[in-house]
Amino acid sequence: MSAELAASPFTGSLEAQLAQPASERPSFYWLGQAGFVIDAGGYRLVIDPYLSDSLAEKYRDRLYPHQRMMTAPVTTDGLGKVDLVLSTHQHTDHMDPQTLQPLLNARPDVKLVAPLAAREEALKRARIEDGRLHLIDAGQRITPLPKVAVTATRSAHETLEQDASGHYKFLGYVIEIGGLRLWHSGDTIPYDGMVAEVAALKPDLALLPVNGRSAELLSNGVPGNLALREAIDIAKGIGAKALIAHHFGMFSFNTADPAEIDRAAAETSGPALFRASLNTVYRWG
């Protein structure tokens, strides 16, 4: 698909933006961390939303207290009409019960895409019945909505973990919608074969985490992600035309410098680099 990504700041609330019907033209809104609203082809998809303070409650008075650096930009009610929800893995900032339950309970026809390896957690956290789950494993392709396809890729957070049945615990999704192929990698670091695996699916746009990783965090139970330069190189390697860098600005112990992303965007050749930003709509085409 020959097109470009453009970023347009907006005034007013995200809720007001989402009160409009989902557009045909692919459009994206950042929810913080790895969360996005994806409008395209007349559908609205929500991926990895974390709109609560559940982690602050869980880790209160611990080494990493998980206090939000940014206020949730919208409530689950404010997401408007949603057609599909996706979670890339079961870490709470990607599969949050305090977000998924009100989101899905208020929309009884909406289904959740989740890793096959996370089936039990997805059912428990979302409090939905089996029939509302679309389960997927790496290498599989499903069509959860007419004219919408999702292909799962492997992700390494920080390793390529599998459950006892061999199903991958961490996934990325190549979503085909509205004439666009976008790849949300989920949480990942580089691994052997990643570029070839994703390049074969020919994504136009990459949504990649850039908060990096450290031995100290990993030793305290916090796995990491791509560094900014790694994300840029991977986006180039898979043939993406644009990259939206995200997964920063939520928790002070595990973030990235927005100014560094902006400098790289001004200096980097190859795929167009955008820093995920609140109060901004990203439009394709």
C-alpha atoms as a PDB file:
ATOM      1  CA  MET A   1       0.000   0.000   0.000  1.00  0.00           C
ATOM      2  CA  SER A   2       1.621   3.257  -1.085  1.00  0.00           C
ATOM      3  CA  ALA A   3       0.782   5.843   1.549  1.00  0.00           C
ATOM      4  CA  GLU A   4       2.260   7.929   4.324  1.00  0.00           C
ATOM      5  CA  LEU A   5       1.585   8.492   8.006  1.00  0.00           C
ATOM      6  CA  ALA A   6       0.806  11.982   9.274  1.00  0.00           C
ATOM      7  CA  ALA A   7       0.410  13.227  12.861  1.00  0.00           C
ATOM      8  CA  SER A   8      -2.168  15.897  13.699  1.00  0.00           C
ATOM      9  CA  PRO A   9      -2.549  17.287  17.247  1.00  0.00           C
ATOM     10  CA  PHE A  10      -6.109  17.929  18.358  1.00  0.00           C
ATOM     11  CA  THR A  11      -7.644  20.080  21.052  1.00  0.00           C
ATOM     12  CA  GLY A  12     -10.295  18.848  23.411  1.00  0.00           C
ATOM     13  CA  SER A  13     -10.669  15.366  24.802  1.00  0.00           C
ATOM     14  CA  LEU A  14      -9.968  11.980  23.280  1.00  0.00           C
ATOM     15  CA  GLU A  15     -13.501  11.011  24.260  1.00  0.00           C
ATOM     16  CA  ALA A  16     -14.833  13.738  21.977  1.00  0.00           C
ATOM     17  CA  GLN A  17     -12.671  12.432  19.133  1.00  0.00           C
ATOM     18  CA  LEU A  18     -13.913   8.883  19.676  1.00  0.00           C
ATOM     19  CA  ALA A  19     -17.541   9.957  19.868  1.00  0.00           C
ATOM     20  CA  GLN A  20     -17.406  10.072  16.072  1.00  0.00           C
ATOM     21  CA  PRO A  21     -17.953   6.826  14.127  1.00  0.00           C
ATOM     22  CA  ALA A  22     -14.834   4.861  13.244  1.00  0.00           C
ATOM     23  CA  SER A  23     -13.351   6.232  10.044  1.00  0.00           C
ATOM     24  CA  GLU A  24     -12.649   4.371   6.831  1.00  0.00           C
ATOM     25  CA  ARG A  25      -9.206   5.966   6.619  1.00  0.00           C
ATOM     26  CA  PRO A  26      -6.770   4.246   9.007  1.00  0.00           C
ATOM     27  CA  SER A  27      -6.341   6.431  12.091  1.00  0.00           C
ATOM     28  CA  PHE A  28      -4.577   5.776  15.386  1.00  0.00           C
ATOM     29  CA  TYR A  29      -4.791   7.196  18.900  1.00  0.00           C
ATOM     30  CA  TRP A  30      -2.332   6.369  21.692  1.00  0.00           C
ATOM     31  CA  LEU A  31      -3.727   5.309  25.069  1.00  0.00           C
ATOM     32  CA  GLY A  32      -0.355   5.272  26.824  1.00  0.00           C
ATOM     33  CA  GLN A  33       2.110   2.387  27.278  1.00  0.00           C
ATOM     34  CA  ALA A  34       1.347  -0.114  24.456  1.00  0.00           C
ATOM     35  CA  GLY A  35      -2.319   0.796  24.098  1.00  0.00           C
ATOM     36  CA  PHE A  36      -3.827   2.097  20.866  1.00  0.00           C
ATOM     37  CA  VAL A  37      -7.204   2.743  19.329  1.00  0.00           C
ATOM     38  CA  ILE A  38      -7.169   1.723  15.658  1.00  0.00           C
ATOM     39  CA  ASP A  39      -9.904   3.093  13.412  1.00  0.00           C
ATOM     40  CA  ALA A  40      -9.969   1.745   9.863  1.00  0.00           C
ATOM     41  CA  GLY A  41     -12.400   0.329   7.355  1.00  0.00           C
ATOM     42  CA  GLY A  42     -15.300   1.507   9.498  1.00  0.00           C
ATOM     43  CA  TYR A  43     -14.144  -0.625  12.466  1.00  0.00           C
ATOM     44  CA  ARG A  44     -12.655   0.377  15.819  1.00  0.00           C
ATOM     45  CA  LEU A  45     -10.066  -1.910  17.380  1.00  0.00           C
ATOM     46  CA  VAL A  46      -8.494  -1.413  20.811  1.00  0.00           C
ATOM     47  CA  ILE A  47      -5.182  -3.132  21.542  1.00  0.00           C
ATOM     48  CA  ASP A  48      -3.427  -3.555  24.907  1.00  0.00           C
ATOM     49  CA  PRO A  49      -5.409  -0.894  26.793  1.00  0.00           C
ATOM     50  CA  TYR A  50      -4.241  -0.029  30.320  1.00  0.00           C
ATOM     51  CA  LEU A  51      -6.646   2.612  31.611  1.00  0.00           C
ATOM     52  CA  SER A  52      -6.680   1.891  35.353  1.00  0.00           C
ATOM     53  CA  ASP A  53      -4.356   2.113  38.358  1.00  0.00           C
ATOM     54  CA  SER A  54      -4.407  -1.611  39.042  1.00  0.00           C
ATOM     55  CA  LEU A  55      -0.612  -1.937  38.956  1.00  0.00           C
ATOM     56  CA  ALA A  56      -0.181   0.920  41.430  1.00  0.00           C
ATOM     57  CA  GLU A  57      -2.539  -0.945  43.746  1.00  0.00           C
ATOM     58  CA  LYS A  58      -0.698  -4.220  43.239  1.00  0.00           C
ATOM     59  CA  TYR A  59       2.802  -2.824  43.784  1.00  0.00           C
ATOM     60  CA  ARG A  60       2.133  -0.194  46.451  1.00  0.00           C
ATOM     61  CA  ASP A  61       5.132   0.160  48.812  1.00  0.00           C
ATOM     62  CA  ARG A  62       7.246  -2.152  46.651  1.00  0.00           C
ATOM     63  CA  LEU A  63      10.591  -1.444  44.957  1.00  0.00           C
ATOM     64  CA  TYR A  64       8.812  -0.317  41.771  1.00  0.00           C
ATOM     65  CA  PRO A  65       5.467   1.188  42.851  1.00  0.00           C
ATOM     66  CA  HIS A  66       4.032   1.545  39.321  1.00  0.00           C
ATOM     67  CA  GLN A  67       2.546   4.982  39.849  1.00  0.00           C
ATOM     68  CA  ARG A  68       1.223   6.419  36.588  1.00  0.00           C
ATOM     69  CA  MET A  69       3.217   9.272  35.081  1.00  0.00           C
ATOM     70  CA  MET A  70       0.275  10.129  32.819  1.00  0.00           C
ATOM     71  CA  THR A  71      -3.413  10.217  33.521  1.00  0.00           C
ATOM     72  CA  ALA A  72      -5.471   7.759  31.498  1.00  0.00           C
ATOM     73  CA  PRO A  73      -6.570   9.766  28.448  1.00  0.00           C
ATOM     74  CA  VAL A  74     -10.053   8.267  28.342  1.00  0.00           C
ATOM     75  CA  THR A  75     -12.357   5.959  30.295  1.00  0.00           C
ATOM     76  CA  THR A  76     -13.580   2.656  28.913  1.00  0.00           C
ATOM     77  CA  ASP A  77     -16.982   4.291  28.336  1.00  0.00           C
ATOM     78  CA  GLY A  78     -15.251   7.075  26.438  1.00  0.00           C
ATOM     79  CA  LEU A  79     -13.838   4.637  23.890  1.00  0.00           C
ATOM     80  CA  GLY A  80     -17.199   4.761  22.120  1.00  0.00           C
ATOM     81  CA  LYS A  81     -18.307   1.978  19.818  1.00  0.00           C
ATOM     82  CA  VAL A  82     -15.635  -0.733  19.823  1.00  0.00           C
ATOM     83  CA  ASP A  83     -15.665  -3.696  17.436  1.00  0.00           C
ATOM     84  CA  LEU A  84     -12.721  -5.781  18.706  1.00  0.00           C
ATOM     85  CA  VAL A  85     -10.241  -5.832  21.595  1.00  0.00           C
ATOM     86  CA  LEU A  86      -6.791  -7.433  21.413  1.00  0.00           C
ATOM     87  CA  SER A  87      -4.236  -8.340  24.091  1.00  0.00           C
ATOM     88  CA  THR A  88      -0.732  -9.402  23.069  1.00  0.00           C
ATOM     89  CA  HIS A  89       0.126 -11.156  26.367  1.00  0.00           C
ATOM     90  CA  GLN A  90      -1.001 -11.464  29.962  1.00  0.00           C
ATOM     91  CA  HIS A  91       1.151  -8.856  31.706  1.00  0.00           C
ATOM     92  CA  THR A  92      -1.261  -6.505  33.409  1.00  0.00           C
ATOM     93  CA  ASP A  93      -0.323  -3.389  31.420  1.00  0.00           C
ATOM     94  CA  HIS A  94      -1.466  -5.355  28.346  1.00  0.00           C
ATOM     95  CA  MET A  95      -4.263  -7.497  29.791  1.00  0.00           C
ATOM     96  CA  ASP A  96      -5.681  -5.400  32.609  1.00  0.00           C
ATOM     97  CA  PRO A  97      -8.766  -6.742  34.391  1.00  0.00           C
ATOM     98  CA  GLN A  98      -9.803  -3.282  35.579  1.00  0.00           C
ATOM     99  CA  THR A  99      -9.838  -2.124  31.953  1.00  0.00           C
ATOM    100  CA  LEU A 100     -11.067  -5.241  30.150  1.00  0.00           C
ATOM    101  CA  GLN A 101     -13.995  -6.008  32.443  1.00  0.00           C
ATOM    102  CA  PRO A 102     -15.833  -2.683  32.119  1.00  0.00           C
ATOM    103  CA  LEU A 103     -14.869  -2.371  28.456  1.00  0.00           C
ATOM    104  CA  LEU A 104     -16.219  -5.788  27.479  1.00  0.00           C
ATOM    105  CA  ASN A 105     -19.095  -6.017  29.956  1.00  0.00           C
ATOM    106  CA  ALA A 106     -20.596  -2.834  28.511  1.00  0.00           C
ATOM    107  CA  ARG A 107     -20.264  -4.241  24.986  1.00  0.00           C
ATOM    108  CA  PRO A 108     -21.565  -7.839  25.112  1.00  0.00           C
ATOM    109  CA  ASP A 109     -21.086  -8.450  21.381  1.00  0.00           C
ATOM    110  CA  VAL A 110     -17.401  -7.519  21.348  1.00  0.00           C
ATOM    111  CA  LYS A 111     -14.808 -10.297  21.383  1.00  0.00           C
ATOM    112  CA  LEU A 112     -11.228 -10.436  22.689  1.00  0.00           C
ATOM    113  CA  VAL A 113      -8.207 -11.689  20.739  1.00  0.00           C
ATOM    114  CA  ALA A 114      -5.635 -13.246  23.077  1.00  0.00           C
ATOM    115  CA  PRO A 115      -2.749 -15.722  22.962  1.00  0.00           C
ATOM    116  CA  LEU A 116      -3.731 -19.363  23.190  1.00  0.00           C
ATOM    117  CA  ALA A 117      -1.165 -19.654  25.985  1.00  0.00           C
ATOM    118  CA  ALA A 118      -3.111 -17.042  27.995  1.00  0.00           C
ATOM    119  CA  ARG A 119      -6.576 -18.583  27.610  1.00  0.00           C
ATOM    120  CA  GLU A 120      -7.318 -19.084  31.310  1.00  0.00           C
ATOM    121  CA  GLU A 121      -5.998 -15.666  32.317  1.00  0.00           C
ATOM    122  CA  ALA A 122      -7.927 -13.959  29.535  1.00  0.00           C
ATOM    123  CA  LEU A 123     -11.186 -15.578  30.633  1.00  0.00           C
ATOM    124  CA  LYS A 124     -10.554 -14.738  34.283  1.00  0.00           C
ATOM    125  CA  ARG A 125      -9.380 -11.167  33.781  1.00  0.00           C
ATOM    126  CA  ALA A 126     -12.002 -10.173  31.229  1.00  0.00           C
ATOM    127  CA  ARG A 127     -14.783 -12.176  32.940  1.00  0.00           C
ATOM    128  CA  ILE A 128     -16.168 -13.331  29.637  1.00  0.00           C
ATOM    129  CA  GLU A 129     -17.325 -16.711  28.404  1.00  0.00           C
ATOM    130  CA  ASP A 130     -15.270 -18.900  26.081  1.00  0.00           C
ATOM    131  CA  GLY A 131     -17.338 -17.932  23.047  1.00  0.00           C
ATOM    132  CA  ARG A 132     -16.121 -14.338  23.263  1.00  0.00           C
ATOM    133  CA  LEU A 133     -12.458 -15.322  22.908  1.00  0.00           C
ATOM    134  CA  HIS A 134     -10.514 -15.511  19.648  1.00  0.00           C
ATOM    135  CA  LEU A 135      -7.411 -17.504  20.595  1.00  0.00           C
ATOM    136  CA  ILE A 136      -4.300 -17.434  18.440  1.00  0.00           C
ATOM    137  CA  ASP A 137      -0.736 -18.734  18.459  1.00  0.00           C
ATOM    138  CA  ALA A 138       2.369 -17.608  16.611  1.00  0.00           C
ATOM    139  CA  GLY A 139       2.112 -18.296  12.883  1.00  0.00           C
ATOM    140  CA  GLN A 140      -1.678 -18.526  12.901  1.00  0.00           C
ATOM    141  CA  ARG A 141      -4.033 -16.198  11.012  1.00  0.00           C
ATOM    142  CA  ILE A 142      -7.627 -15.507  12.046  1.00  0.00           C
ATOM    143  CA  THR A 143     -10.420 -13.302  10.700  1.00  0.00           C
ATOM    144  CA  PRO A 144     -12.250 -12.023  13.797  1.00  0.00           C
ATOM    145  CA  LEU A 145     -14.306  -9.518  11.756  1.00  0.00           C
ATOM    146  CA  PRO A 146     -15.298  -9.355   8.090  1.00  0.00           C
ATOM    147  CA  LYS A 147     -12.386  -7.881   6.124  1.00  0.00           C
ATOM    148  CA  VAL A 148     -10.138  -7.886   9.211  1.00  0.00           C
ATOM    149  CA  ALA A 149      -7.331 -10.427   9.573  1.00  0.00           C
ATOM    150  CA  VAL A 150      -4.865 -10.946  12.418  1.00  0.00           C
ATOM    151  CA  THR A 151      -1.644 -12.944  12.072  1.00  0.00           C
ATOM    152  CA  ALA A 152       0.365 -13.657  15.214  1.00  0.00           C
ATOM    153  CA  THR A 153       4.133 -13.293  15.322  1.00  0.00           C
ATOM    154  CA  ARG A 154       6.485 -14.442  18.050  1.00  0.00           C
ATOM    155  CA  SER A 155       7.721 -11.944  20.621  1.00  0.00           C
ATOM    156  CA  ALA A 156      10.617 -12.302  23.074  1.00  0.00           C
ATOM    157  CA  HIS A 157      10.001 -10.541  26.398  1.00  0.00           C
ATOM    158  CA  GLU A 158      12.981 -11.097  27.014  1.00  0.00           C
ATOM    159  CA  THR A 159      12.956 -14.695  25.761  1.00  0.00           C
ATOM    160  CA  LEU A 160      10.772 -16.689  23.384  1.00  0.00           C
ATOM    161  CA  GLU A 161       8.760 -18.339  26.152  1.00  0.00           C
ATOM    162  CA  GLN A 162       6.375 -21.218  25.483  1.00  0.00           C
ATOM    163  CA  ASP A 163       3.904 -23.008  27.727  1.00  0.00           C
ATOM    164  CA  ALA A 164       3.892 -26.740  28.371  1.00  0.00           C
ATOM    165  CA  SER A 165       1.987 -27.290  25.119  1.00  0.00           C
ATOM    166  CA  GLY A 166       4.448 -25.272  23.051  1.00  0.00           C
ATOM    167  CA  HIS A 167       2.246 -22.187  22.642  1.00  0.00           C
ATOM    168  CA  TYR A 168       4.032 -18.847  22.686  1.00  0.00           C
ATOM    169  CA  LYS A 169       3.312 -16.655  25.701  1.00  0.00           C
ATOM    170  CA  PHE A 170       4.213 -13.332  24.059  1.00  0.00           C
ATOM    171  CA  LEU A 171       2.830 -12.368  20.659  1.00  0.00           C
ATOM    172  CA  GLY A 172       2.773  -9.563  18.167  1.00  0.00           C
ATOM    173  CA  TYR A 173      -0.082  -9.037  15.727  1.00  0.00           C
ATOM    174  CA  VAL A 174      -0.024  -8.110  12.053  1.00  0.00           C
ATOM    175  CA  ILE A 175      -3.470  -6.626  11.522  1.00  0.00           C
ATOM    176  CA  GLU A 176      -4.871  -6.288   7.999  1.00  0.00           C
ATOM    177  CA  ILE A 177      -7.618  -3.679   8.010  1.00  0.00           C
ATOM    178  CA  GLY A 178      -8.820  -0.954   5.679  1.00  0.00           C
ATOM    179  CA  GLY A 179      -6.171  -1.733   3.081  1.00  0.00           C
ATOM    180  CA  LEU A 180      -3.352  -1.409   5.634  1.00  0.00           C
ATOM    181  CA  ARG A 181      -1.069  -3.959   7.265  1.00  0.00           C
ATOM    182  CA  LEU A 182       0.160  -2.800  10.668  1.00  0.00           C
ATOM    183  CA  TRP A 183       2.374  -4.726  13.075  1.00  0.00           C
ATOM    184  CA  HIS A 184       1.989  -4.227  16.801  1.00  0.00           C
ATOM    185  CA  SER A 185       4.900  -6.245  18.112  1.00  0.00           C
ATOM    186  CA  GLY A 186       3.713  -6.549  21.698  1.00  0.00           C
ATOM    187  CA  ASP A 187       6.577  -6.505  24.196  1.00  0.00           C
ATOM    188  CA  THR A 188       9.765  -7.822  22.635  1.00  0.00           C
ATOM    189  CA  ILE A 189      13.491  -7.623  22.206  1.00  0.00           C
ATOM    190  CA  PRO A 190      15.245  -8.711  18.990  1.00  0.00           C
ATOM    191  CA  TYR A 191      15.599 -12.445  18.388  1.00  0.00           C
ATOM    192  CA  ASP A 192      17.121 -14.552  15.629  1.00  0.00           C
ATOM    193  CA  GLY A 193      14.759 -14.698  12.661  1.00  0.00           C
ATOM    194  CA  MET A 194      12.506 -11.848  13.777  1.00  0.00           C
ATOM    195  CA  VAL A 195      13.053  -9.609  10.778  1.00  0.00           C
ATOM    196  CA  ALA A 196      12.522 -12.396   8.244  1.00  0.00           C
ATOM    197  CA  GLU A 197       9.427 -13.659  10.074  1.00  0.00           C
ATOM    198  CA  VAL A 198       7.725 -10.275  10.085  1.00  0.00           C
ATOM    199  CA  ALA A 199       9.003  -9.067   6.710  1.00  0.00           C
ATOM    200  CA  ALA A 200       7.254 -12.021   5.065  1.00  0.00           C
ATOM    201  CA  LEU A 201       3.937 -10.517   6.217  1.00  0.00           C
ATOM    202  CA  LYS A 202       4.763  -7.188   4.520  1.00  0.00           C
ATOM    203  CA  PRO A 203       3.609  -4.693   7.170  1.00  0.00           C
ATOM    204  CA  ASP A 204       3.269  -1.059   6.102  1.00  0.00           C
ATOM    205  CA  LEU A 205       3.389   0.365   9.625  1.00  0.00           C
ATOM    206  CA  ALA A 206       5.139  -0.791  12.806  1.00  0.00           C
ATOM    207  CA  LEU A 207       4.084   0.025  16.378  1.00  0.00           C
ATOM    208  CA  LEU A 208       7.128  -0.823  18.495  1.00  0.00           C
ATOM    209  CA  PRO A 209       8.083  -0.429  22.194  1.00  0.00           C
ATOM    210  CA  VAL A 210      11.233   1.607  22.841  1.00  0.00           C
ATOM    211  CA  ASN A 211      11.701   1.643  26.625  1.00  0.00           C
ATOM    212  CA  GLY A 212      14.738  -0.644  26.399  1.00  0.00           C
ATOM    213  CA  ARG A 213      15.915  -3.052  29.087  1.00  0.00           C
ATOM    214  CA  SER A 214      18.487  -3.472  31.830  1.00  0.00           C
ATOM    215  CA  ALA A 215      20.006  -6.259  33.902  1.00  0.00           C
ATOM    216  CA  GLU A 216      18.856  -4.525  37.094  1.00  0.00           C
ATOM    217  CA  LEU A 217      15.224  -4.425  36.015  1.00  0.00           C
ATOM    218  CA  LEU A 218      15.308  -8.020  34.783  1.00  0.00           C
ATOM    219  CA  SER A 219      16.847  -9.224  38.045  1.00  0.00           C
ATOM    220  CA  ASN A 220      13.890  -7.628  39.834  1.00  0.00           C
ATOM    221  CA  GLY A 221      11.283  -9.275  37.641  1.00  0.00           C
ATOM    222  CA  VAL A 222      10.808  -6.539  35.036  1.00  0.00           C
ATOM    223  CA  PRO A 223      11.587  -7.807  31.512  1.00  0.00           C
ATOM    224  CA  GLY A 224      12.524  -5.231  28.904  1.00  0.00           C
ATOM    225  CA  ASN A 225      11.879  -4.215  25.344  1.00  0.00           C
ATOM    226  CA  LEU A 226      13.573  -2.846  22.268  1.00  0.00           C
ATOM    227  CA  ALA A 227      15.872   0.118  22.549  1.00  0.00           C
ATOM    228  CA  LEU A 228      15.044   2.961  20.186  1.00  0.00           C
ATOM    229  CA  ARG A 229      17.841   2.181  17.708  1.00  0.00           C
ATOM    230  CA  GLU A 230      16.836  -1.478  17.640  1.00  0.00           C
ATOM    231  CA  ALA A 231      13.234  -0.514  16.862  1.00  0.00           C
ATOM    232  CA  ILE A 232      14.365   1.750  14.026  1.00  0.00           C
ATOM    233  CA  ASP A 233      16.570  -0.972  12.548  1.00  0.00           C
ATOM    234  CA  ILE A 234      13.806  -3.577  12.782  1.00  0.00           C
ATOM    235  CA  ALA A 235      11.248  -1.281  11.154  1.00  0.00           C
ATOM    236  CA  LYS A 236      13.703  -0.729   8.311  1.00  0.00           C
ATOM    237  CA  GLY A 237      14.499  -4.435   8.043  1.00  0.00           C
ATOM    238  CA  ILE A 238      10.869  -5.507   7.724  1.00  0.00           C
ATOM    239  CA  GLY A 239      10.204  -2.907   5.027  1.00  0.00           C
ATOM    240  CA  ALA A 240       7.780  -0.767   7.047  1.00  0.00           C
ATOM    241  CA  LYS A 241       7.174   2.731   5.715  1.00  0.00           C
ATOM    242  CA  ALA A 242       6.607   4.240   9.157  1.00  0.00           C
ATOM    243  CA  LEU A 243       7.181   3.499  12.841  1.00  0.00           C
ATOM    244  CA  ILE A 244       5.289   4.758  15.888  1.00  0.00           C
ATOM    245  CA  ALA A 245       7.531   4.434  18.964  1.00  0.00           C
ATOM    246  CA  HIS A 246       5.630   3.764  22.210  1.00  0.00           C
ATOM    247  CA  HIS A 247       5.775   2.084  25.658  1.00  0.00           C
ATOM    248  CA  PHE A 248       7.238   5.008  27.594  1.00  0.00           C
ATOM    249  CA  GLY A 249       5.984   7.741  29.900  1.00  0.00           C
ATOM    250  CA  MET A 250       3.858   5.434  32.062  1.00  0.00           C
ATOM    251  CA  PHE A 251       6.176   4.264  34.862  1.00  0.00           C
ATOM    252  CA  SER A 252       9.223   6.285  35.911  1.00  0.00           C
ATOM    253  CA  PHE A 253      11.424   3.237  36.529  1.00  0.00           C
ATOM    254  CA  ASN A 254      10.870   1.866  33.012  1.00  0.00           C
ATOM    255  CA  THR A 255      10.532   4.582  30.393  1.00  0.00           C
ATOM    256  CA  ALA A 256      12.388   6.363  27.585  1.00  0.00           C
ATOM    257  CA  ASP A 257      13.317   9.972  26.898  1.00  0.00           C
ATOM    258  CA  PRO A 258      10.787  11.569  24.506  1.00  0.00           C
ATOM    259  CA  ALA A 259      13.420  14.110  23.420  1.00  0.00           C
ATOM    260  CA  GLU A 260      15.659  11.266  22.244  1.00  0.00           C
ATOM    261  CA  ILE A 261      12.848   9.916  20.084  1.00  0.00           C
ATOM    262  CA  ASP A 262      12.244  13.378  18.634  1.00  0.00           C
ATOM    263  CA  ARG A 263      15.946  13.797  17.823  1.00  0.00           C
ATOM    264  CA  ALA A 264      16.029  10.415  16.119  1.00  0.00           C
ATOM    265  CA  ALA A 265      12.909  11.312  14.128  1.00  0.00           C
ATOM    266  CA  ALA A 266      14.684  14.395  12.795  1.00  0.00           C
ATOM    267  CA  GLU A 267      17.924  12.599  11.995  1.00  0.00           C
ATOM    268  CA  THR A 268      17.004   9.046  10.962  1.00  0.00           C
ATOM    269  CA  SER A 269      16.715   7.977   7.359  1.00  0.00           C
ATOM    270  CA  GLY A 270      14.488   5.092   6.358  1.00  0.00           C
ATOM    271  CA  PRO A 271      10.987   4.556   7.776  1.00  0.00           C
ATOM    272  CA  ALA A 272       9.353   7.746   9.029  1.00  0.00           C
ATOM    273  CA  LEU A 273       9.631   7.790  12.835  1.00  0.00           C
ATOM    274  CA  PHE A 274       6.854   9.157  15.039  1.00  0.00           C
ATOM    275  CA  ARG A 275       6.775   9.436  18.815  1.00  0.00           C
ATOM    276  CA  ALA A 276       3.497   8.263  20.293  1.00  0.00           C
ATOM    277  CA  SER A 277       1.783  11.275  21.820  1.00  0.00           C
ATOM    278  CA  LEU A 278      -1.505  11.924  23.553  1.00  0.00           C
ATOM    279  CA  ASN A 279      -3.947  14.393  21.987  1.00  0.00           C
ATOM    280  CA  THR A 280      -2.693  13.403  18.540  1.00  0.00           C
ATOM    281  CA  VAL A 281      -4.311  11.469  15.738  1.00  0.00           C
ATOM    282  CA  TYR A 282      -2.064   9.554  13.339  1.00  0.00           C
ATOM    283  CA  ARG A 283      -3.602   9.099   9.905  1.00  0.00           C
ATOM    284  CA  TRP A 284      -2.490   6.809   7.131  1.00  0.00           C
ATOM    285  CA  GLY A 285      -2.926   7.733   3.493  1.00  0.00           C
END
